[in-house]
Amino acid sequence: MGQSPVVHRALLLPPLVALLAGCACRPATVVVDRREERTRLDSEFRGVRTDDLGRVGEVRRDRLVHEWWLRDTQGRWHLVDEETYRAAEPGRDIGVCL
């Protein structure tokens, strides 16, 4: 027997609240001291496969991930989007998410 739509919404609400609470951004203005573009290798999960002997294994794909970082005059590093990184200039103020 199926549940009513109200029950479905009630079951979805706690995980949704937890997800949104983790994404909160506290905007702040900092003075840029240094900019740094970093590249790292990430292994992306693509699925599973079974080999000739019946063993199950992961299918992964390596990819390069670009990250843009700004250091403020107090020595704290902030991960920012590419647009913010490109607009940042040492010695000038810029808005970041804390």
N, C-alpha and C. Protein backbone atom coordinates (compact mmCIF):
# COMPACT_ATOMS: atom_id res chain seq x y z
N MET A 1 0.84 -1.16 0.00
CA MET A 1 0.00 0.00 0.00
C MET A 1 0.89 1.24 0.00
N GLY A 2 0.61 2.23 -0.84
CA GLY A 2 1.46 3.40 -0.99
C GLY A 2 1.26 4.43 0.10
N GLN A 3 2.29 5.24 0.27
CA GLN A 3 2.23 6.31 1.27
C GLN A 3 1.66 7.56 0.61
N SER A 4 1.07 8.41 1.42
CA SER A 4 0.51 9.65 0.89
C SER A 4 1.64 10.60 0.52
N PRO A 5 1.36 11.58 -0.39
CA PRO A 5 2.39 12.56 -0.75
C PRO A 5 2.91 13.34 0.45
N VAL A 6 2.08 13.56 1.47
CA VAL A 6 2.51 14.30 2.66
C VAL A 6 3.61 13.53 3.39
N VAL A 7 3.45 12.19 3.49
CA VAL A 7 4.45 11.36 4.15
C VAL A 7 5.75 11.39 3.36
N HIS A 8 5.68 11.34 2.02
CA HIS A 8 6.89 11.41 1.19
C HIS A 8 7.64 12.71 1.42
N ARG A 9 6.91 13.82 1.48
CA ARG A 9 7.56 15.12 1.71
C ARG A 9 8.19 15.16 3.09
N ALA A 10 7.51 14.60 4.08
CA ALA A 10 8.05 14.59 5.45
C ALA A 10 9.33 13.78 5.53
N LEU A 11 9.43 12.70 4.75
CA LEU A 11 10.64 11.88 4.75
C LEU A 11 11.79 12.57 4.05
N LEU A 12 11.50 13.42 3.09
CA LEU A 12 12.54 14.11 2.33
C LEU A 12 13.05 15.37 3.03
N LEU A 13 12.26 15.93 3.91
CA LEU A 13 12.61 17.20 4.53
C LEU A 13 13.90 17.18 5.35
N PRO A 14 14.13 16.24 6.27
CA PRO A 14 15.38 16.27 7.06
C PRO A 14 16.65 16.18 6.22
N PRO A 15 16.73 15.28 5.21
CA PRO A 15 17.96 15.27 4.40
C PRO A 15 18.15 16.56 3.60
N LEU A 16 17.04 17.15 3.15
CA LEU A 16 17.14 18.39 2.38
C LEU A 16 17.64 19.53 3.26
N VAL A 17 17.14 19.62 4.48
CA VAL A 17 17.59 20.66 5.42
C VAL A 17 19.08 20.48 5.73
N ALA A 18 19.50 19.24 5.94
CA ALA A 18 20.92 18.97 6.23
C ALA A 18 21.80 19.35 5.05
N LEU A 19 21.34 19.07 3.85
CA LEU A 19 22.11 19.40 2.64
C LEU A 19 22.25 20.91 2.50
N LEU A 20 21.17 21.64 2.65
CA LEU A 20 21.22 23.09 2.51
C LEU A 20 22.01 23.76 3.62
N ALA A 21 21.97 23.22 4.81
CA ALA A 21 22.73 23.79 5.92
C ALA A 21 24.23 23.68 5.67
N GLY A 22 24.67 22.64 4.99
CA GLY A 22 26.08 22.45 4.68
C GLY A 22 26.58 23.36 3.58
N CYS A 23 25.69 23.99 2.84
CA CYS A 23 26.07 24.83 1.71
C CYS A 23 26.03 26.32 2.05
N ALA A 24 25.90 26.65 3.30
CA ALA A 24 25.79 28.06 3.69
C ALA A 24 27.09 28.79 3.38
N CYS A 25 26.93 29.99 2.88
CA CYS A 25 28.09 30.83 2.55
C CYS A 25 28.00 32.09 3.38
N ARG A 26 29.10 32.41 4.04
CA ARG A 26 29.19 33.68 4.76
C ARG A 26 30.03 34.62 3.92
N PRO A 27 29.41 35.55 3.20
CA PRO A 27 30.19 36.46 2.35
C PRO A 27 31.09 37.36 3.19
N ALA A 28 32.27 37.58 2.67
CA ALA A 28 33.23 38.45 3.35
C ALA A 28 34.09 39.16 2.30
N THR A 29 34.64 40.27 2.67
CA THR A 29 35.56 40.99 1.80
C THR A 29 36.96 40.85 2.39
N VAL A 30 37.90 40.43 1.54
CA VAL A 30 39.29 40.27 1.99
C VAL A 30 40.21 41.03 1.05
N VAL A 31 41.39 41.34 1.54
CA VAL A 31 42.42 41.97 0.70
C VAL A 31 43.31 40.85 0.18
N VAL A 32 43.44 40.77 -1.14
CA VAL A 32 44.19 39.69 -1.77
C VAL A 32 45.69 39.93 -1.60
N ASP A 33 46.38 38.91 -1.14
CA ASP A 33 47.84 38.95 -1.03
C ASP A 33 48.49 38.18 -2.18
N ARG A 34 47.87 37.05 -2.53
CA ARG A 34 48.47 36.17 -3.54
C ARG A 34 47.38 35.35 -4.22
N ARG A 35 47.58 35.03 -5.49
CA ARG A 35 46.68 34.16 -6.25
C ARG A 35 47.45 32.89 -6.62
N GLU A 36 46.74 31.77 -6.66
CA GLU A 36 47.40 30.53 -7.03
C GLU A 36 46.41 29.60 -7.73
N GLU A 37 46.78 29.14 -8.91
CA GLU A 37 45.97 28.16 -9.64
C GLU A 37 46.61 26.79 -9.43
N ARG A 38 45.82 25.85 -8.95
CA ARG A 38 46.33 24.51 -8.67
C ARG A 38 45.59 23.50 -9.53
N THR A 39 46.31 22.50 -9.97
CA THR A 39 45.72 21.42 -10.75
C THR A 39 46.00 20.12 -10.02
N ARG A 40 44.97 19.30 -9.89
CA ARG A 40 45.15 18.00 -9.24
C ARG A 40 44.52 16.91 -10.09
N LEU A 41 45.00 15.70 -9.90
CA LEU A 41 44.46 14.54 -10.59
C LEU A 41 43.37 13.93 -9.74
N ASP A 42 42.21 13.71 -10.35
CA ASP A 42 41.07 13.11 -9.65
C ASP A 42 40.66 11.86 -10.40
N SER A 43 40.31 10.83 -9.66
CA SER A 43 39.86 9.58 -10.26
C SER A 43 38.34 9.52 -10.12
N GLU A 44 37.65 9.59 -11.25
CA GLU A 44 36.20 9.65 -11.27
C GLU A 44 35.60 8.26 -11.43
N PHE A 45 34.68 7.89 -10.55
CA PHE A 45 34.01 6.59 -10.62
C PHE A 45 33.05 6.60 -11.81
N ARG A 46 33.15 5.59 -12.68
CA ARG A 46 32.30 5.51 -13.86
C ARG A 46 31.35 4.32 -13.84
N GLY A 47 31.55 3.38 -12.92
CA GLY A 47 30.68 2.22 -12.84
C GLY A 47 31.45 1.00 -12.39
N VAL A 48 30.85 -0.18 -12.59
CA VAL A 48 31.50 -1.44 -12.24
C VAL A 48 31.48 -2.35 -13.47
N ARG A 49 32.38 -3.31 -13.46
CA ARG A 49 32.43 -4.28 -14.55
C ARG A 49 32.80 -5.64 -13.98
N THR A 50 32.55 -6.65 -14.74
CA THR A 50 32.92 -8.01 -14.36
C THR A 50 33.94 -8.50 -15.37
N ASP A 51 35.09 -9.03 -14.89
CA ASP A 51 36.11 -9.52 -15.81
C ASP A 51 35.80 -10.96 -16.22
N ASP A 52 36.69 -11.56 -17.00
CA ASP A 52 36.48 -12.91 -17.53
C ASP A 52 36.37 -13.97 -16.45
N LEU A 53 36.93 -13.72 -15.28
CA LEU A 53 36.87 -14.69 -14.19
C LEU A 53 35.69 -14.44 -13.24
N GLY A 54 34.87 -13.44 -13.54
CA GLY A 54 33.71 -13.15 -12.72
C GLY A 54 33.96 -12.19 -11.58
N ARG A 55 35.17 -11.63 -11.51
CA ARG A 55 35.48 -10.66 -10.46
C ARG A 55 34.88 -9.30 -10.82
N VAL A 56 34.33 -8.65 -9.82
CA VAL A 56 33.73 -7.33 -10.01
C VAL A 56 34.78 -6.28 -9.68
N GLY A 57 34.93 -5.31 -10.55
CA GLY A 57 35.89 -4.23 -10.33
C GLY A 57 35.33 -2.89 -10.74
N GLU A 58 35.89 -1.84 -10.19
CA GLU A 58 35.45 -0.49 -10.52
C GLU A 58 36.00 -0.05 -11.87
N VAL A 59 35.21 0.75 -12.57
CA VAL A 59 35.68 1.42 -13.78
C VAL A 59 35.88 2.87 -13.40
N ARG A 60 37.10 3.37 -13.56
CA ARG A 60 37.42 4.74 -13.16
C ARG A 60 38.06 5.47 -14.34
N ARG A 61 37.95 6.78 -14.32
CA ARG A 61 38.59 7.61 -15.34
C ARG A 61 39.32 8.73 -14.63
N ASP A 62 40.59 8.90 -14.94
CA ASP A 62 41.38 9.99 -14.37
C ASP A 62 41.08 11.27 -15.13
N ARG A 63 41.01 12.37 -14.37
CA ARG A 63 40.77 13.67 -14.98
C ARG A 63 41.50 14.74 -14.19
N LEU A 64 41.85 15.82 -14.87
CA LEU A 64 42.50 16.95 -14.22
C LEU A 64 41.44 17.91 -13.71
N VAL A 65 41.60 18.35 -12.46
CA VAL A 65 40.67 19.29 -11.84
C VAL A 65 41.44 20.57 -11.53
N HIS A 66 40.92 21.69 -12.01
CA HIS A 66 41.55 22.99 -11.76
C HIS A 66 40.86 23.65 -10.57
N GLU A 67 41.69 24.20 -9.68
CA GLU A 67 41.18 24.93 -8.51
C GLU A 67 41.86 26.29 -8.47
N TRP A 68 41.11 27.29 -8.02
CA TRP A 68 41.63 28.64 -7.94
C TRP A 68 41.59 29.09 -6.49
N TRP A 69 42.74 29.53 -5.99
CA TRP A 69 42.90 29.89 -4.58
C TRP A 69 43.39 31.32 -4.46
N LEU A 70 42.90 32.00 -3.42
CA LEU A 70 43.37 33.35 -3.08
C LEU A 70 43.83 33.33 -1.63
N ARG A 71 44.98 33.95 -1.38
CA ARG A 71 45.44 34.11 0.00
C ARG A 71 45.20 35.55 0.40
N ASP A 72 44.61 35.74 1.58
CA ASP A 72 44.38 37.11 2.05
C ASP A 72 45.61 37.59 2.82
N THR A 73 45.58 38.84 3.24
CA THR A 73 46.74 39.43 3.91
C THR A 73 46.97 38.86 5.31
N GLN A 74 46.00 38.08 5.82
CA GLN A 74 46.17 37.41 7.12
C GLN A 74 46.68 35.99 6.96
N GLY A 75 46.97 35.58 5.71
CA GLY A 75 47.55 34.26 5.46
C GLY A 75 46.55 33.13 5.27
N ARG A 76 45.26 33.44 5.24
CA ARG A 76 44.24 32.40 5.03
C ARG A 76 44.00 32.20 3.54
N TRP A 77 43.86 30.94 3.14
CA TRP A 77 43.60 30.60 1.75
C TRP A 77 42.09 30.41 1.55
N HIS A 78 41.58 30.88 0.41
CA HIS A 78 40.16 30.76 0.08
C HIS A 78 40.03 30.13 -1.30
N LEU A 79 39.25 29.06 -1.39
CA LEU A 79 38.94 28.43 -2.67
C LEU A 79 37.83 29.25 -3.32
N VAL A 80 38.08 29.73 -4.55
CA VAL A 80 37.11 30.59 -5.24
C VAL A 80 36.83 30.03 -6.64
N ASP A 81 35.80 30.58 -7.28
CA ASP A 81 35.52 30.18 -8.66
C ASP A 81 36.47 30.91 -9.61
N GLU A 82 36.50 30.45 -10.84
CA GLU A 82 37.45 31.01 -11.80
C GLU A 82 37.21 32.50 -12.05
N GLU A 83 35.97 32.90 -12.10
CA GLU A 83 35.64 34.31 -12.35
C GLU A 83 36.19 35.21 -11.25
N THR A 84 36.02 34.81 -10.00
CA THR A 84 36.55 35.58 -8.87
C THR A 84 38.07 35.61 -8.92
N TYR A 85 38.69 34.48 -9.24
CA TYR A 85 40.14 34.38 -9.34
C TYR A 85 40.68 35.36 -10.40
N ARG A 86 40.05 35.37 -11.57
CA ARG A 86 40.51 36.24 -12.66
C ARG A 86 40.37 37.72 -12.28
N ALA A 87 39.33 38.05 -11.49
CA ALA A 87 39.10 39.45 -11.12
C ALA A 87 40.00 39.90 -9.97
N ALA A 88 40.60 38.95 -9.26
CA ALA A 88 41.40 39.30 -8.07
C ALA A 88 42.76 39.87 -8.46
N GLU A 89 43.14 40.91 -7.76
CA GLU A 89 44.46 41.52 -7.94
C GLU A 89 45.08 41.72 -6.57
N PRO A 90 46.36 41.37 -6.41
CA PRO A 90 47.04 41.57 -5.12
C PRO A 90 46.92 43.03 -4.67
N GLY A 91 46.62 43.19 -3.36
CA GLY A 91 46.49 44.52 -2.78
C GLY A 91 45.09 45.11 -2.87
N ARG A 92 44.17 44.43 -3.56
CA ARG A 92 42.81 44.94 -3.72
C ARG A 92 41.81 44.07 -2.98
N ASP A 93 40.67 44.65 -2.62
CA ASP A 93 39.59 43.93 -1.96
C ASP A 93 38.84 43.06 -2.95
N ILE A 94 38.32 41.92 -2.44
CA ILE A 94 37.44 41.08 -3.25
C ILE A 94 36.51 40.31 -2.32
N GLY A 95 35.33 39.99 -2.80
CA GLY A 95 34.37 39.23 -2.02
C GLY A 95 34.62 37.74 -2.16
N VAL A 96 34.60 37.04 -1.04
CA VAL A 96 34.78 35.58 -1.01
C VAL A 96 33.73 34.97 -0.08
N CYS A 97 33.61 33.68 -0.14
CA CYS A 97 32.73 32.91 0.74
C CYS A 97 33.57 32.30 1.85
N LEU A 98 33.16 32.49 3.09
CA LEU A 98 33.87 31.86 4.21
C LEU A 98 33.17 30.59 4.60
